[in-house]
Amino acid sequence: MKYVIKIEAMGQFPEIEIVKDQFESICRARENLSNGLAMEEKYEILISNYLDFEKELICNAANSMVRRPSDYEEFFQVRMDFNIRLVNLLTATRLYKDSLHRHVRAIIPGFKGIKDEILNLFTQEFEHNPEYRFVDELRDYVQHRGVPVHWTQHHSYRDESEKEHKIIFSVELASEKNI
């Protein structure tokens, strides 16, 4: 069997003949790069959704400096915007977590325990980090029962701990445990 590398495009392009080992090595490298790219893309989706959520918090706090939601439609829209951003973030997190071991296993096929090792890292985080457990439970709640943000509250107060007496604006999000 003849193995060649060539450009698949219209026109005349040279062909380079290679041996079977080179061909198989190139195929493995291409597969590894594809898996690496897939991990990187999923991580970027996760980070982008996190940034969108943080931006929503900042924009909402800034809006509350100038005007507060005053009617049902405004309160509904604020809550809905947070729900959209948070559902996207939780979904992206699960996408990354659930697929990471498959990509790593494809890149390092000789490492038989890679799936267990990666899942163990997530398990350790779950066991030692209450915030991780909360987010994991919240993701399950969103997947099977409802939206994550049940109410929002805007706060403002004068910070008198500093000489300038700054006014602090913030937004509080809450999920009700018993829903």
Foldseek 3Di string as FASTA:
>chain_A
DWDWDWDPDPDDTDIHTDDPVVVVVVVLVVLLVVLVVVLVVLVVQLVVLVVQLVVLFVVQLVVVVVPDDDDDVSQVVSQVSNLVSLLSNLVSVCVNLVCVQVSVCSNVVVPVCSVVVSVVVLVVCCVPPVVSVVSVVLNVCVVPPHTAFPGKDKDWDFDPPDPVRDIDIGMDTDGDPPD
